[in-house]
Amino acid sequence: MLLMIARDKGSTVTEMSQHLCMTPSAATQLIDSLVSHRLLKRTTDTKDRRKIHLTLTESGKKMLLRARKQRLKALADVLSPLTDTELKQLVKLQQKLASRNS
């Protein structure tokens, strides 16, 4: 959820619940937890007070950055046994698979 909110700045609770295929109440519970951990902040829309926008706090941004770094390190560890030639071949295979799905 943090990644989606970082990407879609100002997302609403409704948008998050739809995107995650969750009920609004389940999304609200998850958001409440992230707010209580000071990872997310709720902001009321200035034009429509019924709308609540979600943004990352500084702590949320830092957590997301740490998670990205850990993911990249894990990926580097997994790919480390491959030679440059094998890595290039892997990229070509991924591109071929991705082009079939678009």
N, C-alpha and C. Protein backbone atom coordinates (compact mmCIF):
# COMPACT_ATOMS: atom_id res chain seq x y z
N MET A 1 0.82 -1.17 0.00
CA MET A 1 0.00 0.00 0.00
C MET A 1 0.88 1.26 0.00
N LEU A 2 1.96 1.25 0.76
CA LEU A 2 2.84 2.41 0.80
C LEU A 2 3.38 2.73 -0.58
N LEU A 3 3.75 1.72 -1.33
CA LEU A 3 4.29 1.93 -2.67
C LEU A 3 3.24 2.56 -3.58
N MET A 4 2.01 2.09 -3.50
CA MET A 4 0.95 2.66 -4.33
C MET A 4 0.67 4.10 -3.96
N ILE A 5 0.68 4.41 -2.68
CA ILE A 5 0.42 5.78 -2.24
C ILE A 5 1.57 6.69 -2.66
N ALA A 6 2.79 6.18 -2.62
CA ALA A 6 3.94 6.97 -3.07
C ALA A 6 3.83 7.26 -4.56
N ARG A 7 3.38 6.29 -5.30
CA ARG A 7 3.25 6.44 -6.75
C ARG A 7 2.07 7.32 -7.13
N ASP A 8 0.92 7.12 -6.47
CA ASP A 8 -0.30 7.87 -6.77
C ASP A 8 -0.56 8.85 -5.63
N LYS A 9 0.23 9.90 -5.59
CA LYS A 9 0.15 10.86 -4.49
C LYS A 9 -1.28 11.38 -4.32
N GLY A 10 -1.72 11.42 -3.07
CA GLY A 10 -3.05 11.93 -2.77
C GLY A 10 -4.16 10.94 -3.00
N SER A 11 -3.84 9.66 -3.07
CA SER A 11 -4.86 8.63 -3.24
C SER A 11 -5.88 8.71 -2.12
N THR A 12 -7.09 8.28 -2.42
CA THR A 12 -8.14 8.25 -1.40
C THR A 12 -8.28 6.84 -0.85
N VAL A 13 -8.97 6.74 0.27
CA VAL A 13 -9.23 5.43 0.88
C VAL A 13 -10.01 4.56 -0.10
N THR A 14 -10.99 5.14 -0.75
CA THR A 14 -11.80 4.38 -1.72
C THR A 14 -10.94 3.85 -2.85
N GLU A 15 -10.06 4.68 -3.39
CA GLU A 15 -9.18 4.24 -4.47
C GLU A 15 -8.28 3.10 -4.01
N MET A 16 -7.74 3.22 -2.81
CA MET A 16 -6.87 2.17 -2.28
C MET A 16 -7.65 0.86 -2.09
N SER A 17 -8.84 0.95 -1.54
CA SER A 17 -9.62 -0.27 -1.31
C SER A 17 -9.96 -0.95 -2.64
N GLN A 18 -10.30 -0.16 -3.66
CA GLN A 18 -10.61 -0.74 -4.97
C GLN A 18 -9.37 -1.35 -5.61
N HIS A 19 -8.26 -0.65 -5.53
CA HIS A 19 -7.02 -1.12 -6.15
C HIS A 19 -6.53 -2.41 -5.49
N LEU A 20 -6.74 -2.54 -4.20
CA LEU A 20 -6.28 -3.72 -3.46
C LEU A 20 -7.36 -4.80 -3.35
N CYS A 21 -8.53 -4.54 -3.97
CA CYS A 21 -9.66 -5.48 -3.91
C CYS A 21 -10.04 -5.80 -2.46
N MET A 22 -10.11 -4.75 -1.66
CA MET A 22 -10.47 -4.86 -0.25
C MET A 22 -11.79 -4.12 -0.03
N THR A 23 -12.49 -4.50 1.00
CA THR A 23 -13.65 -3.71 1.38
C THR A 23 -13.14 -2.39 1.95
N PRO A 24 -13.94 -1.34 1.83
CA PRO A 24 -13.50 -0.06 2.41
C PRO A 24 -13.18 -0.16 3.90
N SER A 25 -13.93 -0.96 4.63
CA SER A 25 -13.66 -1.08 6.07
C SER A 25 -12.33 -1.78 6.33
N ALA A 26 -11.99 -2.79 5.52
CA ALA A 26 -10.71 -3.48 5.68
C ALA A 26 -9.56 -2.53 5.32
N ALA A 27 -9.75 -1.75 4.26
CA ALA A 27 -8.72 -0.78 3.88
C ALA A 27 -8.54 0.27 4.97
N THR A 28 -9.64 0.70 5.55
CA THR A 28 -9.59 1.69 6.63
C THR A 28 -8.82 1.14 7.83
N GLN A 29 -9.02 -0.12 8.16
CA GLN A 29 -8.29 -0.73 9.28
C GLN A 29 -6.79 -0.76 8.99
N LEU A 30 -6.43 -1.12 7.78
CA LEU A 30 -5.02 -1.15 7.40
C LEU A 30 -4.44 0.27 7.44
N ILE A 31 -5.18 1.21 6.91
CA ILE A 31 -4.72 2.61 6.90
C ILE A 31 -4.59 3.14 8.32
N ASP A 32 -5.57 2.81 9.18
CA ASP A 32 -5.49 3.23 10.59
C ASP A 32 -4.19 2.75 11.23
N SER A 33 -3.82 1.52 10.93
CA SER A 33 -2.58 0.97 11.48
C SER A 33 -1.36 1.72 10.96
N LEU A 34 -1.34 2.00 9.66
CA LEU A 34 -0.22 2.72 9.08
C LEU A 34 -0.14 4.16 9.60
N VAL A 35 -1.30 4.77 9.85
CA VAL A 35 -1.33 6.12 10.42
C VAL A 35 -0.82 6.08 11.86
N SER A 36 -1.25 5.07 12.63
CA SER A 36 -0.82 4.99 14.02
C SER A 36 0.69 4.73 14.14
N HIS A 37 1.25 4.09 13.13
CA HIS A 37 2.71 3.88 13.09
C HIS A 37 3.43 5.06 12.43
N ARG A 38 2.69 6.09 12.14
CA ARG A 38 3.21 7.34 11.55
C ARG A 38 3.89 7.13 10.21
N LEU A 39 3.34 6.20 9.42
CA LEU A 39 3.86 5.96 8.08
C LEU A 39 3.01 6.67 7.02
N LEU A 40 1.75 6.91 7.36
CA LEU A 40 0.81 7.59 6.47
C LEU A 40 0.19 8.77 7.18
N LYS A 41 -0.28 9.72 6.36
CA LYS A 41 -0.98 10.88 6.90
C LYS A 41 -2.27 11.04 6.10
N ARG A 42 -3.35 11.33 6.80
CA ARG A 42 -4.64 11.62 6.16
C ARG A 42 -4.80 13.13 6.05
N THR A 43 -5.31 13.57 4.90
CA THR A 43 -5.56 14.99 4.69
C THR A 43 -6.95 15.13 4.09
N THR A 44 -7.76 16.01 4.66
CA THR A 44 -9.11 16.25 4.15
C THR A 44 -9.02 17.12 2.89
N ASP A 45 -9.78 16.73 1.87
CA ASP A 45 -9.85 17.50 0.63
C ASP A 45 -10.45 18.87 0.92
N THR A 46 -9.84 19.91 0.38
CA THR A 46 -10.31 21.28 0.65
C THR A 46 -11.64 21.57 -0.06
N LYS A 47 -11.94 20.86 -1.14
CA LYS A 47 -13.18 21.11 -1.88
C LYS A 47 -14.30 20.17 -1.49
N ASP A 48 -13.96 18.98 -1.02
CA ASP A 48 -14.97 17.98 -0.64
C ASP A 48 -14.51 17.34 0.66
N ARG A 49 -15.06 17.81 1.76
CA ARG A 49 -14.60 17.36 3.08
C ARG A 49 -14.86 15.87 3.33
N ARG A 50 -15.65 15.24 2.49
CA ARG A 50 -15.89 13.79 2.63
C ARG A 50 -14.70 12.98 2.11
N LYS A 51 -13.90 13.58 1.25
CA LYS A 51 -12.74 12.89 0.68
C LYS A 51 -11.53 13.03 1.59
N ILE A 52 -10.87 11.92 1.80
CA ILE A 52 -9.63 11.89 2.60
C ILE A 52 -8.50 11.42 1.69
N HIS A 53 -7.48 12.23 1.58
CA HIS A 53 -6.32 11.88 0.76
C HIS A 53 -5.23 11.30 1.66
N LEU A 54 -4.48 10.37 1.10
CA LEU A 54 -3.42 9.69 1.84
C LEU A 54 -2.07 10.07 1.25
N THR A 55 -1.14 10.40 2.12
CA THR A 55 0.23 10.70 1.70
C THR A 55 1.19 10.03 2.68
N LEU A 56 2.38 9.77 2.19
CA LEU A 56 3.40 9.19 3.05
C LEU A 56 3.99 10.26 3.96
N THR A 57 4.29 9.88 5.18
CA THR A 57 5.05 10.74 6.08
C THR A 57 6.53 10.56 5.76
N GLU A 58 7.38 11.34 6.39
CA GLU A 58 8.82 11.15 6.20
C GLU A 58 9.23 9.75 6.63
N SER A 59 8.64 9.27 7.72
CA SER A 59 8.95 7.90 8.19
C SER A 59 8.50 6.87 7.16
N GLY A 60 7.35 7.09 6.55
CA GLY A 60 6.84 6.19 5.52
C GLY A 60 7.75 6.18 4.30
N LYS A 61 8.23 7.35 3.90
CA LYS A 61 9.16 7.44 2.77
C LYS A 61 10.46 6.71 3.07
N LYS A 62 10.96 6.87 4.31
CA LYS A 62 12.21 6.20 4.69
C LYS A 62 12.02 4.69 4.71
N MET A 63 10.88 4.22 5.22
CA MET A 63 10.62 2.79 5.26
C MET A 63 10.55 2.22 3.85
N LEU A 64 9.89 2.94 2.96
CA LEU A 64 9.78 2.49 1.58
C LEU A 64 11.15 2.44 0.92
N LEU A 65 11.98 3.42 1.18
CA LEU A 65 13.34 3.44 0.64
C LEU A 65 14.16 2.25 1.16
N ARG A 66 14.04 1.96 2.46
CA ARG A 66 14.75 0.80 3.03
C ARG A 66 14.28 -0.50 2.38
N ALA A 67 12.96 -0.62 2.17
CA ALA A 67 12.41 -1.83 1.55
C ALA A 67 12.92 -1.98 0.12
N ARG A 68 12.98 -0.87 -0.62
CA ARG A 68 13.51 -0.92 -2.00
C ARG A 68 14.96 -1.36 -2.00
N LYS A 69 15.77 -0.82 -1.10
CA LYS A 69 17.18 -1.19 -1.03
C LYS A 69 17.34 -2.67 -0.70
N GLN A 70 16.52 -3.18 0.22
CA GLN A 70 16.58 -4.59 0.59
C GLN A 70 16.19 -5.47 -0.59
N ARG A 71 15.15 -5.04 -1.34
CA ARG A 71 14.72 -5.79 -2.52
C ARG A 71 15.83 -5.84 -3.57
N LEU A 72 16.47 -4.69 -3.80
CA LEU A 72 17.55 -4.65 -4.79
C LEU A 72 18.74 -5.52 -4.37
N LYS A 73 19.05 -5.50 -3.08
CA LYS A 73 20.15 -6.34 -2.59
C LYS A 73 19.80 -7.82 -2.76
N ALA A 74 18.56 -8.18 -2.44
CA ALA A 74 18.14 -9.58 -2.59
C ALA A 74 18.20 -10.00 -4.06
N LEU A 75 17.77 -9.11 -4.95
CA LEU A 75 17.82 -9.42 -6.38
C LEU A 75 19.27 -9.57 -6.84
N ALA A 76 20.13 -8.68 -6.38
CA ALA A 76 21.55 -8.77 -6.74
C ALA A 76 22.15 -10.08 -6.24
N ASP A 77 21.76 -10.50 -5.05
CA ASP A 77 22.26 -11.77 -4.50
C ASP A 77 21.79 -12.95 -5.35
N VAL A 78 20.54 -12.91 -5.77
CA VAL A 78 19.99 -14.01 -6.58
C VAL A 78 20.68 -14.07 -7.94
N LEU A 79 20.95 -12.90 -8.53
CA LEU A 79 21.52 -12.85 -9.87
C LEU A 79 23.05 -12.94 -9.89
N SER A 80 23.68 -12.87 -8.75
CA SER A 80 25.15 -12.83 -8.69
C SER A 80 25.85 -14.01 -9.36
N PRO A 81 25.29 -15.22 -9.34
CA PRO A 81 26.00 -16.32 -10.01
C PRO A 81 26.02 -16.22 -11.53
N LEU A 82 25.18 -15.35 -12.11
CA LEU A 82 25.09 -15.28 -13.57
C LEU A 82 26.21 -14.43 -14.15
N THR A 83 26.69 -14.85 -15.31
CA THR A 83 27.70 -14.08 -16.04
C THR A 83 27.01 -12.92 -16.76
N ASP A 84 27.79 -12.00 -17.31
CA ASP A 84 27.23 -10.88 -18.07
C ASP A 84 26.40 -11.38 -19.25
N THR A 85 26.92 -12.41 -19.91
CA THR A 85 26.20 -13.00 -21.06
C THR A 85 24.86 -13.57 -20.61
N GLU A 86 24.86 -14.27 -19.50
CA GLU A 86 23.62 -14.85 -18.98
C GLU A 86 22.63 -13.77 -18.55
N LEU A 87 23.15 -12.70 -17.96
CA LEU A 87 22.27 -11.59 -17.57
C LEU A 87 21.63 -10.95 -18.79
N LYS A 88 22.40 -10.75 -19.85
CA LYS A 88 21.85 -10.18 -21.09
C LYS A 88 20.79 -11.10 -21.67
N GLN A 89 21.04 -12.41 -21.62
CA GLN A 89 20.07 -13.38 -22.11
C GLN A 89 18.80 -13.33 -21.27
N LEU A 90 18.94 -13.20 -19.96
CA LEU A 90 17.79 -13.11 -19.07
C LEU A 90 16.95 -11.88 -19.40
N VAL A 91 17.61 -10.75 -19.63
CA VAL A 91 16.89 -9.52 -19.98
C VAL A 91 16.12 -9.71 -21.28
N LYS A 92 16.75 -10.32 -22.28
CA LYS A 92 16.08 -10.56 -23.57
C LYS A 92 14.86 -11.46 -23.39
N LEU A 93 15.00 -12.48 -22.57
CA LEU A 93 13.87 -13.39 -22.33
C LEU A 93 12.72 -12.67 -21.61
N GLN A 94 13.06 -11.83 -20.65
CA GLN A 94 12.02 -11.08 -19.94
C GLN A 94 11.32 -10.11 -20.88
N GLN A 95 12.08 -9.47 -21.74
CA GLN A 95 11.48 -8.53 -22.71
C GLN A 95 10.56 -9.28 -23.67
N LYS A 96 10.97 -10.46 -24.08
CA LYS A 96 10.14 -11.26 -24.98
C LYS A 96 8.82 -11.64 -24.31
N LEU A 97 8.91 -12.07 -23.05
CA LEU A 97 7.70 -12.43 -22.30
C LEU A 97 6.81 -11.22 -22.07
N ALA A 98 7.41 -10.08 -21.74
CA ALA A 98 6.64 -8.87 -21.48
C ALA A 98 5.94 -8.39 -22.75
N SER A 99 6.59 -8.53 -23.90
CA SER A 99 5.98 -8.06 -25.15
C SER A 99 4.78 -8.92 -25.54
N ARG A 100 4.75 -10.17 -25.13
CA ARG A 100 3.59 -11.04 -25.41
C ARG A 100 2.38 -10.61 -24.63
N ASN A 101 2.60 -10.03 -23.45
CA ASN A 101 1.49 -9.66 -22.57
C ASN A 101 1.00 -8.22 -22.78
N SER A 102 1.63 -7.49 -23.69
CA SER A 102 1.17 -6.11 -23.89
C SER A 102 0.41 -5.93 -25.17
